[in-house]
Amino acid sequence: MKRFGTTTALLAALTLGTVAGCAGDGQHDSVGQYVDDAAITARVKAAIVADPRLKATEINVETARGVVQLSGFVSSADDVASAASAARTVKGVQSVRNDLRLK
């Protein structure tokens, strides 16, 4: 019986250690946050590709904690606004940092 209690306690400690290891802190994102940000990035890129006025190859998209950053060079001010608008329509986007520049 004592062995069963020790094994259970050890298993519980390992489980808690594993769960705590997946938690994010102020410096690092959790695995779940990373996956969420990657999904948001993919959906923003898809929204940009779907806009026929935009050249998706000229626009870089990065996401951190729901904040999308757009960077790169585009042909017109309308393209800057269109890319930001497309990004804002994506579910999960908290805000958009538009660092796009004109060629």
PDB file of N, CA and C in Angstrom:
ATOM      1  N   MET A   1       0.806  -1.185   0.000  1.00  0.00           N
ATOM      2  CA  MET A   1       0.000   0.000   0.000  1.00  0.00           C
ATOM      3  C   MET A   1       0.859   1.263   0.000  1.00  0.00           C
ATOM      4  N   LYS A   2       1.944   1.245   0.776  1.00  0.00           N
ATOM      5  CA  LYS A   2       2.804   2.422   0.841  1.00  0.00           C
ATOM      6  C   LYS A   2       3.418   2.712  -0.531  1.00  0.00           C
ATOM      7  N   ARG A   3       3.759   1.665  -1.236  1.00  0.00           N
ATOM      8  CA  ARG A   3       4.340   1.846  -2.566  1.00  0.00           C
ATOM      9  C   ARG A   3       3.353   2.510  -3.514  1.00  0.00           C
ATOM     10  N   PHE A   4       2.061   2.140  -3.415  1.00  0.00           N
ATOM     11  CA  PHE A   4       1.033   2.740  -4.250  1.00  0.00           C
ATOM     12  C   PHE A   4       0.923   4.237  -3.970  1.00  0.00           C
ATOM     13  N   GLY A   5       1.009   4.648  -2.719  1.00  0.00           N
ATOM     14  CA  GLY A   5       0.925   6.056  -2.339  1.00  0.00           C
ATOM     15  C   GLY A   5       2.115   6.840  -2.857  1.00  0.00           C
ATOM     16  N   THR A   6       3.317   6.246  -2.801  1.00  0.00           N
ATOM     17  CA  THR A   6       4.523   6.901  -3.293  1.00  0.00           C
ATOM     18  C   THR A   6       4.460   7.076  -4.806  1.00  0.00           C
ATOM     19  N   THR A   7       4.000   6.043  -5.479  1.00  0.00           N
ATOM     20  CA  THR A   7       3.881   6.089  -6.934  1.00  0.00           C
ATOM     21  C   THR A   7       2.867   7.155  -7.349  1.00  0.00           C
ATOM     22  N   THR A   8       1.765   7.231  -6.638  1.00  0.00           N
ATOM     23  CA  THR A   8       0.744   8.228  -6.949  1.00  0.00           C
ATOM     24  C   THR A   8       1.276   9.641  -6.731  1.00  0.00           C
ATOM     25  N   ALA A   9       2.000   9.836  -5.618  1.00  0.00           N
ATOM     26  CA  ALA A   9       2.568  11.151  -5.336  1.00  0.00           C
ATOM     27  C   ALA A   9       3.590  11.549  -6.391  1.00  0.00           C
ATOM     28  N   LEU A  10       4.418  10.612  -6.813  1.00  0.00           N
ATOM     29  CA  LEU A  10       5.422  10.879  -7.843  1.00  0.00           C
ATOM     30  C   LEU A  10       4.750  11.223  -9.173  1.00  0.00           C
ATOM     31  N   LEU A  11       3.727  10.469  -9.525  1.00  0.00           N
ATOM     32  CA  LEU A  11       2.997  10.729 -10.766  1.00  0.00           C
ATOM     33  C   LEU A  11       2.331  12.110 -10.731  1.00  0.00           C
ATOM     34  N   ALA A  12       1.754  12.458  -9.588  1.00  0.00           N
ATOM     35  CA  ALA A  12       1.114  13.772  -9.450  1.00  0.00           C
ATOM     36  C   ALA A  12       2.144  14.889  -9.585  1.00  0.00           C
ATOM     37  N   ALA A  13       3.321  14.715  -8.982  1.00  0.00           N
ATOM     38  CA  ALA A  13       4.374  15.738  -9.069  1.00  0.00           C
ATOM     39  C   ALA A  13       4.853  15.900 -10.507  1.00  0.00           C
ATOM     40  N   LEU A  14       5.021  14.801 -11.213  1.00  0.00           N
ATOM     41  CA  LEU A  14       5.445  14.882 -12.620  1.00  0.00           C
ATOM     42  C   LEU A  14       4.390  15.565 -13.478  1.00  0.00           C
ATOM     43  N   THR A  15       3.133  15.255 -13.229  1.00  0.00           N
ATOM     44  CA  THR A  15       2.054  15.874 -13.994  1.00  0.00           C
ATOM     45  C   THR A  15       2.008  17.375 -13.754  1.00  0.00           C
ATOM     46  N   LEU A  16       2.102  17.783 -12.501  1.00  0.00           N
ATOM     47  CA  LEU A  16       2.098  19.209 -12.190  1.00  0.00           C
ATOM     48  C   LEU A  16       3.309  19.913 -12.784  1.00  0.00           C
ATOM     49  N   GLY A  17       4.455  19.267 -12.772  1.00  0.00           N
ATOM     50  CA  GLY A  17       5.656  19.852 -13.370  1.00  0.00           C
ATOM     51  C   GLY A  17       5.512  20.033 -14.862  1.00  0.00           C
ATOM     52  N   THR A  18       4.888  19.073 -15.501  1.00  0.00           N
ATOM     53  CA  THR A  18       4.677  19.165 -16.941  1.00  0.00           C
ATOM     54  C   THR A  18       3.715  20.292 -17.278  1.00  0.00           C
ATOM     55  N   VAL A  19       2.624  20.398 -16.535  1.00  0.00           N
ATOM     56  CA  VAL A  19       1.644  21.449 -16.778  1.00  0.00           C
ATOM     57  C   VAL A  19       2.261  22.815 -16.508  1.00  0.00           C
ATOM     58  N   ALA A  20       3.009  22.941 -15.437  1.00  0.00           N
ATOM     59  CA  ALA A  20       3.650  24.216 -15.122  1.00  0.00           C
ATOM     60  C   ALA A  20       4.670  24.584 -16.190  1.00  0.00           C
ATOM     61  N   GLY A  21       5.314  23.607 -16.788  1.00  0.00           N
ATOM     62  CA  GLY A  21       6.292  23.871 -17.839  1.00  0.00           C
ATOM     63  C   GLY A  21       5.668  24.417 -19.100  1.00  0.00           C
ATOM     64  N   CYS A  22       4.379  24.175 -19.320  1.00  0.00           N
ATOM     65  CA  CYS A  22       3.682  24.678 -20.498  1.00  0.00           C
ATOM     66  C   CYS A  22       3.109  26.064 -20.287  1.00  0.00           C
ATOM     67  N   ALA A  23       3.112  26.531 -19.068  1.00  0.00           N
ATOM     68  CA  ALA A  23       2.545  27.848 -18.783  1.00  0.00           C
ATOM     69  C   ALA A  23       3.498  28.931 -19.263  1.00  0.00           C
ATOM     70  N   GLY A  24       2.948  30.005 -19.792  1.00  0.00           N
ATOM     71  CA  GLY A  24       3.768  31.118 -20.241  1.00  0.00           C
ATOM     72  C   GLY A  24       4.097  32.046 -19.087  1.00  0.00           C
ATOM     73  N   ASP A  25       5.135  32.820 -19.254  1.00  0.00           N
ATOM     74  CA  ASP A  25       5.452  33.856 -18.281  1.00  0.00           C
ATOM     75  C   ASP A  25       5.564  35.172 -19.032  1.00  0.00           C
ATOM     76  N   GLY A  26       6.056  36.188 -18.394  1.00  0.00           N
ATOM     77  CA  GLY A  26       6.148  37.495 -19.033  1.00  0.00           C
ATOM     78  C   GLY A  26       7.120  37.520 -20.199  1.00  0.00           C
ATOM     79  N   GLN A  27       8.062  36.598 -20.222  1.00  0.00           N
ATOM     80  CA  GLN A  27       9.106  36.591 -21.235  1.00  0.00           C
ATOM     81  C   GLN A  27       8.821  35.605 -22.378  1.00  0.00           C
ATOM     82  N   HIS A  28       8.151  34.491 -22.067  1.00  0.00           N
ATOM     83  CA  HIS A  28       7.966  33.421 -23.041  1.00  0.00           C
ATOM     84  C   HIS A  28       6.488  33.073 -23.160  1.00  0.00           C
ATOM     85  N   ASP A  29       6.072  32.720 -24.358  1.00  0.00           N
ATOM     86  CA  ASP A  29       4.694  32.323 -24.587  1.00  0.00           C
ATOM     87  C   ASP A  29       4.529  30.838 -24.320  1.00  0.00           C
ATOM     88  N   SER A  30       3.322  30.464 -23.946  1.00  0.00           N
ATOM     89  CA  SER A  30       3.014  29.057 -23.768  1.00  0.00           C
ATOM     90  C   SER A  30       2.887  28.405 -25.146  1.00  0.00           C
ATOM     91  N   VAL A  31       2.864  27.091 -25.145  1.00  0.00           N
ATOM     92  CA  VAL A  31       2.700  26.363 -26.406  1.00  0.00           C
ATOM     93  C   VAL A  31       1.360  26.717 -27.034  1.00  0.00           C
ATOM     94  N   GLY A  32       0.332  26.821 -26.209  1.00  0.00           N
ATOM     95  CA  GLY A  32      -1.000  27.171 -26.719  1.00  0.00           C
ATOM     96  C   GLY A  32      -1.020  28.540 -27.365  1.00  0.00           C
ATOM     97  N   GLN A  33      -0.341  29.504 -26.751  1.00  0.00           N
ATOM     98  CA  GLN A  33      -0.285  30.858 -27.311  1.00  0.00           C
ATOM     99  C   GLN A  33       0.459  30.848 -28.639  1.00  0.00           C
ATOM    100  N   TYR A  34       1.535  30.086 -28.712  1.00  0.00           N
ATOM    101  CA  TYR A  34       2.304  29.986 -29.953  1.00  0.00           C
ATOM    102  C   TYR A  34       1.435  29.414 -31.073  1.00  0.00           C
ATOM    103  N   VAL A  35       0.676  28.382 -30.753  1.00  0.00           N
ATOM    104  CA  VAL A  35      -0.195  27.764 -31.757  1.00  0.00           C
ATOM    105  C   VAL A  35      -1.283  28.743 -32.185  1.00  0.00           C
ATOM    106  N   ASP A  36      -1.875  29.457 -31.217  1.00  0.00           N
ATOM    107  CA  ASP A  36      -2.898  30.451 -31.547  1.00  0.00           C
ATOM    108  C   ASP A  36      -2.334  31.538 -32.457  1.00  0.00           C
ATOM    109  N   ASP A  37      -1.141  32.026 -32.133  1.00  0.00           N
ATOM    110  CA  ASP A  37      -0.525  33.072 -32.951  1.00  0.00           C
ATOM    111  C   ASP A  37      -0.205  32.568 -34.354  1.00  0.00           C
ATOM    112  N   ALA A  38       0.248  31.331 -34.458  1.00  0.00           N
ATOM    113  CA  ALA A  38       0.539  30.760 -35.782  1.00  0.00           C
ATOM    114  C   ALA A  38      -0.742  30.638 -36.608  1.00  0.00           C
ATOM    115  N   ALA A  39      -1.838  30.270 -35.962  1.00  0.00           N
ATOM    116  CA  ALA A  39      -3.114  30.164 -36.674  1.00  0.00           C
ATOM    117  C   ALA A  39      -3.592  31.543 -37.127  1.00  0.00           C
ATOM    118  N   ILE A  40      -3.442  32.538 -36.271  1.00  0.00           N
ATOM    119  CA  ILE A  40      -3.827  33.902 -36.651  1.00  0.00           C
ATOM    120  C   ILE A  40      -2.992  34.375 -37.833  1.00  0.00           C
ATOM    121  N   THR A  41      -1.683  34.133 -37.777  1.00  0.00           N
ATOM    122  CA  THR A  41      -0.802  34.519 -38.885  1.00  0.00           C
ATOM    123  C   THR A  41      -1.259  33.880 -40.188  1.00  0.00           C
ATOM    124  N   ALA A  42      -1.589  32.605 -40.149  1.00  0.00           N
ATOM    125  CA  ALA A  42      -2.035  31.904 -41.355  1.00  0.00           C
ATOM    126  C   ALA A  42      -3.338  32.485 -41.888  1.00  0.00           C
ATOM    127  N   ARG A  43      -4.269  32.811 -40.989  1.00  0.00           N
ATOM    128  CA  ARG A  43      -5.545  33.383 -41.433  1.00  0.00           C
ATOM    129  C   ARG A  43      -5.371  34.793 -41.990  1.00  0.00           C
ATOM    130  N   VAL A  44      -4.466  35.579 -41.403  1.00  0.00           N
ATOM    131  CA  VAL A  44      -4.198  36.920 -41.938  1.00  0.00           C
ATOM    132  C   VAL A  44      -3.567  36.819 -43.326  1.00  0.00           C
ATOM    133  N   LYS A  45      -2.613  35.912 -43.480  1.00  0.00           N
ATOM    134  CA  LYS A  45      -1.994  35.729 -44.805  1.00  0.00           C
ATOM    135  C   LYS A  45      -3.036  35.309 -45.829  1.00  0.00           C
ATOM    136  N   ALA A  46      -3.947  34.423 -45.430  1.00  0.00           N
ATOM    137  CA  ALA A  46      -5.004  33.985 -46.349  1.00  0.00           C
ATOM    138  C   ALA A  46      -5.914  35.160 -46.719  1.00  0.00           C
ATOM    139  N   ALA A  47      -6.211  36.032 -45.761  1.00  0.00           N
ATOM    140  CA  ALA A  47      -7.050  37.201 -46.048  1.00  0.00           C
ATOM    141  C   ALA A  47      -6.345  38.145 -47.011  1.00  0.00           C
ATOM    142  N   ILE A  48      -5.041  38.283 -46.869  1.00  0.00           N
ATOM    143  CA  ILE A  48      -4.273  39.146 -47.772  1.00  0.00           C
ATOM    144  C   ILE A  48      -4.216  38.538 -49.173  1.00  0.00           C
ATOM    145  N   VAL A  49      -4.022  37.232 -49.250  1.00  0.00           N
ATOM    146  CA  VAL A  49      -3.996  36.548 -50.551  1.00  0.00           C
ATOM    147  C   VAL A  49      -5.355  36.676 -51.239  1.00  0.00           C
ATOM    148  N   ALA A  50      -6.424  36.639 -50.463  1.00  0.00           N
ATOM    149  CA  ALA A  50      -7.771  36.708 -51.034  1.00  0.00           C
ATOM    150  C   ALA A  50      -8.107  38.089 -51.598  1.00  0.00           C
ATOM    151  N   ASP A  51      -7.371  39.103 -51.191  1.00  0.00           N
ATOM    152  CA  ASP A  51      -7.610  40.460 -51.700  1.00  0.00           C
ATOM    153  C   ASP A  51      -6.841  40.628 -53.012  1.00  0.00           C
ATOM    154  N   PRO A  52      -7.536  40.733 -54.150  1.00  0.00           N
ATOM    155  CA  PRO A  52      -6.857  40.769 -55.438  1.00  0.00           C
ATOM    156  C   PRO A  52      -5.999  42.026 -55.646  1.00  0.00           C
ATOM    157  N   ARG A  53      -6.241  43.078 -54.855  1.00  0.00           N
ATOM    158  CA  ARG A  53      -5.459  44.309 -55.004  1.00  0.00           C
ATOM    159  C   ARG A  53      -4.073  44.191 -54.374  1.00  0.00           C
ATOM    160  N   LEU A  54      -3.907  43.238 -53.464  1.00  0.00           N
ATOM    161  CA  LEU A  54      -2.650  43.133 -52.709  1.00  0.00           C
ATOM    162  C   LEU A  54      -1.732  42.070 -53.298  1.00  0.00           C
ATOM    163  N   LYS A  55      -0.447  42.335 -53.229  1.00  0.00           N
ATOM    164  CA  LYS A  55       0.565  41.345 -53.620  1.00  0.00           C
ATOM    165  C   LYS A  55       1.088  40.717 -52.333  1.00  0.00           C
ATOM    166  N   ALA A  56       0.587  39.528 -52.040  1.00  0.00           N
ATOM    167  CA  ALA A  56       0.887  38.873 -50.765  1.00  0.00           C
ATOM    168  C   ALA A  56       2.375  38.602 -50.582  1.00  0.00           C
ATOM    169  N   THR A  57       3.111  38.464 -51.673  1.00  0.00           N
ATOM    170  CA  THR A  57       4.545  38.184 -51.562  1.00  0.00           C
ATOM    171  C   THR A  57       5.326  39.376 -51.037  1.00  0.00           C
ATOM    172  N   GLU A  58       4.719  40.568 -51.068  1.00  0.00           N
ATOM    173  CA  GLU A  58       5.399  41.776 -50.604  1.00  0.00           C
ATOM    174  C   GLU A  58       5.089  42.106 -49.147  1.00  0.00           C
ATOM    175  N   ILE A  59       4.176  41.335 -48.532  1.00  0.00           N
ATOM    176  CA  ILE A  59       3.723  41.655 -47.178  1.00  0.00           C
ATOM    177  C   ILE A  59       4.109  40.526 -46.226  1.00  0.00           C
ATOM    178  N   ASN A  60       4.844  40.878 -45.185  1.00  0.00           N
ATOM    179  CA  ASN A  60       5.222  39.917 -44.144  1.00  0.00           C
ATOM    180  C   ASN A  60       4.251  40.059 -42.980  1.00  0.00           C
ATOM    181  N   VAL A  61       3.884  38.920 -42.393  1.00  0.00           N
ATOM    182  CA  VAL A  61       2.942  38.914 -41.279  1.00  0.00           C
ATOM    183  C   VAL A  61       3.571  38.162 -40.112  1.00  0.00           C
ATOM    184  N   GLU A  62       3.568  38.786 -38.946  1.00  0.00           N
ATOM    185  CA  GLU A  62       4.012  38.143 -37.717  1.00  0.00           C
ATOM    186  C   GLU A  62       2.973  38.421 -36.642  1.00  0.00           C
ATOM    187  N   THR A  63       2.780  37.466 -35.743  1.00  0.00           N
ATOM    188  CA  THR A  63       1.800  37.627 -34.681  1.00  0.00           C
ATOM    189  C   THR A  63       2.428  37.272 -33.343  1.00  0.00           C
ATOM    190  N   ALA A  64       2.195  38.109 -32.348  1.00  0.00           N
ATOM    191  CA  ALA A  64       2.640  37.846 -30.985  1.00  0.00           C
ATOM    192  C   ALA A  64       1.515  38.230 -30.033  1.00  0.00           C
ATOM    193  N   ARG A  65       0.975  37.228 -29.352  1.00  0.00           N
ATOM    194  CA  ARG A  65      -0.106  37.442 -28.380  1.00  0.00           C
ATOM    195  C   ARG A  65      -1.301  38.162 -28.990  1.00  0.00           C
ATOM    196  N   GLY A  66      -1.623  37.792 -30.206  1.00  0.00           N
ATOM    197  CA  GLY A  66      -2.787  38.361 -30.875  1.00  0.00           C
ATOM    198  C   GLY A  66      -2.546  39.686 -31.570  1.00  0.00           C
ATOM    199  N   VAL A  67      -1.353  40.248 -31.411  1.00  0.00           N
ATOM    200  CA  VAL A  67      -1.015  41.508 -32.073  1.00  0.00           C
ATOM    201  C   VAL A  67      -0.314  41.183 -33.387  1.00  0.00           C
ATOM    202  N   VAL A  68      -0.922  41.595 -34.486  1.00  0.00           N
ATOM    203  CA  VAL A  68      -0.401  41.295 -35.815  1.00  0.00           C
ATOM    204  C   VAL A  68       0.472  42.456 -36.277  1.00  0.00           C
ATOM    205  N   GLN A  69       1.657  42.128 -36.773  1.00  0.00           N
ATOM    206  CA  GLN A  69       2.546  43.147 -37.334  1.00  0.00           C
ATOM    207  C   GLN A  69       2.689  42.890 -38.828  1.00  0.00           C
ATOM    208  N   LEU A  70       2.366  43.901 -39.604  1.00  0.00           N
ATOM    209  CA  LEU A  70       2.517  43.840 -41.057  1.00  0.00           C
ATOM    210  C   LEU A  70       3.760  44.643 -41.424  1.00  0.00           C
ATOM    211  N   SER A  71       4.597  44.067 -42.269  1.00  0.00           N
ATOM    212  CA  SER A  71       5.787  44.779 -42.729  1.00  0.00           C
ATOM    213  C   SER A  71       6.041  44.437 -44.187  1.00  0.00           C
ATOM    214  N   GLY A  72       6.867  45.251 -44.819  1.00  0.00           N
ATOM    215  CA  GLY A  72       7.190  45.037 -46.221  1.00  0.00           C
ATOM    216  C   GLY A  72       6.953  46.317 -47.007  1.00  0.00           C
ATOM    217  N   PHE A  73       7.003  46.179 -48.323  1.00  0.00           N
ATOM    218  CA  PHE A  73       6.847  47.329 -49.213  1.00  0.00           C
ATOM    219  C   PHE A  73       5.703  47.079 -50.182  1.00  0.00           C
ATOM    220  N   VAL A  74       4.831  48.076 -50.305  1.00  0.00           N
ATOM    221  CA  VAL A  74       3.685  47.972 -51.211  1.00  0.00           C
ATOM    222  C   VAL A  74       3.685  49.170 -52.155  1.00  0.00           C
ATOM    223  N   SER A  75       2.849  49.093 -53.178  1.00  0.00           N
ATOM    224  CA  SER A  75       2.855  50.092 -54.249  1.00  0.00           C
ATOM    225  C   SER A  75       2.099  51.373 -53.940  1.00  0.00           C
ATOM    226  N   SER A  76       1.076  51.305 -53.065  1.00  0.00           N
ATOM    227  CA  SER A  76       0.259  52.502 -52.853  1.00  0.00           C
ATOM    228  C   SER A  76      -0.239  52.590 -51.415  1.00  0.00           C
ATOM    229  N   ALA A  77      -0.697  53.784 -51.063  1.00  0.00           N
ATOM    230  CA  ALA A  77      -1.276  53.996 -49.735  1.00  0.00           C
ATOM    231  C   ALA A  77      -2.556  53.178 -49.574  1.00  0.00           C
ATOM    232  N   ASP A  78      -3.277  52.976 -50.679  1.00  0.00           N
ATOM    233  CA  ASP A  78      -4.479  52.137 -50.624  1.00  0.00           C
ATOM    234  C   ASP A  78      -4.125  50.703 -50.234  1.00  0.00           C
ATOM    235  N   ASP A  79      -2.988  50.205 -50.706  1.00  0.00           N
ATOM    236  CA  ASP A  79      -2.543  48.860 -50.352  1.00  0.00           C
ATOM    237  C   ASP A  79      -2.217  48.759 -48.861  1.00  0.00           C
ATOM    238  N   VAL A  80      -1.644  49.808 -48.309  1.00  0.00           N
ATOM    239  CA  VAL A  80      -1.344  49.844 -46.873  1.00  0.00           C
ATOM    240  C   VAL A  80      -2.642  49.711 -46.089  1.00  0.00           C
ATOM    241  N   ALA A  81      -3.632  50.509 -46.453  1.00  0.00           N
ATOM    242  CA  ALA A  81      -4.918  50.489 -45.762  1.00  0.00           C
ATOM    243  C   ALA A  81      -5.659  49.171 -45.970  1.00  0.00           C
ATOM    244  N   SER A  82      -5.598  48.634 -47.181  1.00  0.00           N
ATOM    245  CA  SER A  82      -6.292  47.377 -47.478  1.00  0.00           C
ATOM    246  C   SER A  82      -5.713  46.213 -46.686  1.00  0.00           C
ATOM    247  N   ALA A  83      -4.403  46.164 -46.567  1.00  0.00           N
ATOM    248  CA  ALA A  83      -3.762  45.089 -45.814  1.00  0.00           C
ATOM    249  C   ALA A  83      -4.138  45.153 -44.336  1.00  0.00           C
ATOM    250  N   ALA A  84      -4.130  46.355 -43.783  1.00  0.00           N
ATOM    251  CA  ALA A  84      -4.514  46.521 -42.376  1.00  0.00           C
ATOM    252  C   ALA A  84      -5.974  46.145 -42.169  1.00  0.00           C
ATOM    253  N   SER A  85      -6.813  46.543 -43.086  1.00  0.00           N
ATOM    254  CA  SER A  85      -8.232  46.218 -43.002  1.00  0.00           C
ATOM    255  C   SER A  85      -8.460  44.707 -43.074  1.00  0.00           C
ATOM    256  N   ALA A  86      -7.754  44.048 -43.981  1.00  0.00           N
ATOM    257  CA  ALA A  86      -7.875  42.592 -44.109  1.00  0.00           C
ATOM    258  C   ALA A  86      -7.436  41.901 -42.821  1.00  0.00           C
ATOM    259  N   ALA A  87      -6.368  42.382 -42.219  1.00  0.00           N
ATOM    260  CA  ALA A  87      -5.867  41.782 -40.977  1.00  0.00           C
ATOM    261  C   ALA A  87      -6.858  41.967 -39.834  1.00  0.00           C
ATOM    262  N   ARG A  88      -7.473  43.124 -39.758  1.00  0.00           N
ATOM    263  CA  ARG A  88      -8.415  43.412 -38.667  1.00  0.00           C
ATOM    264  C   ARG A  88      -9.661  42.541 -38.713  1.00  0.00           C
ATOM    265  N   THR A  89     -10.000  42.025 -39.891  1.00  0.00           N
ATOM    266  CA  THR A  89     -11.212  41.212 -40.017  1.00  0.00           C
ATOM    267  C   THR A  89     -11.020  39.786 -39.514  1.00  0.00           C
ATOM    268  N   VAL A  90      -9.784  39.387 -39.250  1.00  0.00           N
ATOM    269  CA  VAL A  90      -9.487  38.005 -38.862  1.00  0.00           C
ATOM    270  C   VAL A  90      -9.813  37.789 -37.390  1.00  0.00           C
ATOM    271  N   LYS A  91     -10.505  36.703 -37.112  1.00  0.00           N
ATOM    272  CA  LYS A  91     -10.867  36.353 -35.739  1.00  0.00           C
ATOM    273  C   LYS A  91      -9.605  36.105 -34.911  1.00  0.00           C
ATOM    274  N   GLY A  92      -9.560  36.675 -33.723  1.00  0.00           N
ATOM    275  CA  GLY A  92      -8.431  36.482 -32.825  1.00  0.00           C
ATOM    276  C   GLY A  92      -7.422  37.614 -32.842  1.00  0.00           C
ATOM    277  N   VAL A  93      -7.517  38.497 -33.822  1.00  0.00           N
ATOM    278  CA  VAL A  93      -6.587  39.625 -33.908  1.00  0.00           C
ATOM    279  C   VAL A  93      -6.976  40.662 -32.856  1.00  0.00           C
ATOM    280  N   GLN A  94      -6.048  40.963 -31.954  1.00  0.00           N
ATOM    281  CA  GLN A  94      -6.286  41.967 -30.913  1.00  0.00           C
ATOM    282  C   GLN A  94      -6.053  43.375 -31.457  1.00  0.00           C
ATOM    283  N   SER A  95      -4.969  43.533 -32.193  1.00  0.00           N
ATOM    284  CA  SER A  95      -4.651  44.820 -32.814  1.00  0.00           C
ATOM    285  C   SER A  95      -3.688  44.580 -33.970  1.00  0.00           C
ATOM    286  N   VAL A  96      -3.496  45.609 -34.781  1.00  0.00           N
ATOM    287  CA  VAL A  96      -2.626  45.511 -35.955  1.00  0.00           C
ATOM    288  C   VAL A  96      -1.592  46.632 -35.893  1.00  0.00           C
ATOM    289  N   ARG A  97      -0.331  46.252 -35.995  1.00  0.00           N
ATOM    290  CA  ARG A  97       0.767  47.232 -36.143  1.00  0.00           C
ATOM    291  C   ARG A  97       1.118  47.246 -37.626  1.00  0.00           C
ATOM    292  N   ASN A  98       0.811  48.323 -38.267  1.00  0.00           N
ATOM    293  CA  ASN A  98       1.013  48.408 -39.707  1.00  0.00           C
ATOM    294  C   ASN A  98       2.325  49.134 -39.989  1.00  0.00           C
ATOM    295  N   ASP A  99       3.359  48.363 -40.286  1.00  0.00           N
ATOM    296  CA  ASP A  99       4.671  48.913 -40.615  1.00  0.00           C
ATOM    297  C   ASP A  99       4.972  48.798 -42.109  1.00  0.00           C
ATOM    298  N   LEU A 100       3.933  48.731 -42.927  1.00  0.00           N
ATOM    299  CA  LEU A 100       4.121  48.673 -44.369  1.00  0.00           C
ATOM    300  C   LEU A 100       4.643  50.011 -44.871  1.00  0.00           C
ATOM    301  N   ARG A 101       5.506  49.961 -45.851  1.00  0.00           N
ATOM    302  CA  ARG A 101       6.101  51.155 -46.448  1.00  0.00           C
ATOM    303  C   ARG A 101       5.816  51.197 -47.944  1.00  0.00           C
ATOM    304  N   LEU A 102       5.764  52.417 -48.474  1.00  0.00           N
ATOM    305  CA  LEU A 102       5.582  52.583 -49.922  1.00  0.00           C
ATOM    306  C   LEU A 102       6.908  52.382 -50.631  1.00  0.00           C
ATOM    307  N   LYS A 103       6.824  51.785 -51.823  1.00  0.00           N
ATOM    308  CA  LYS A 103       8.027  51.592 -52.647  1.00  0.00           C
ATOM    309  C   LYS A 103       8.517  52.919 -53.155  1.00  0.00           C
TER     310      LYS A 103
END
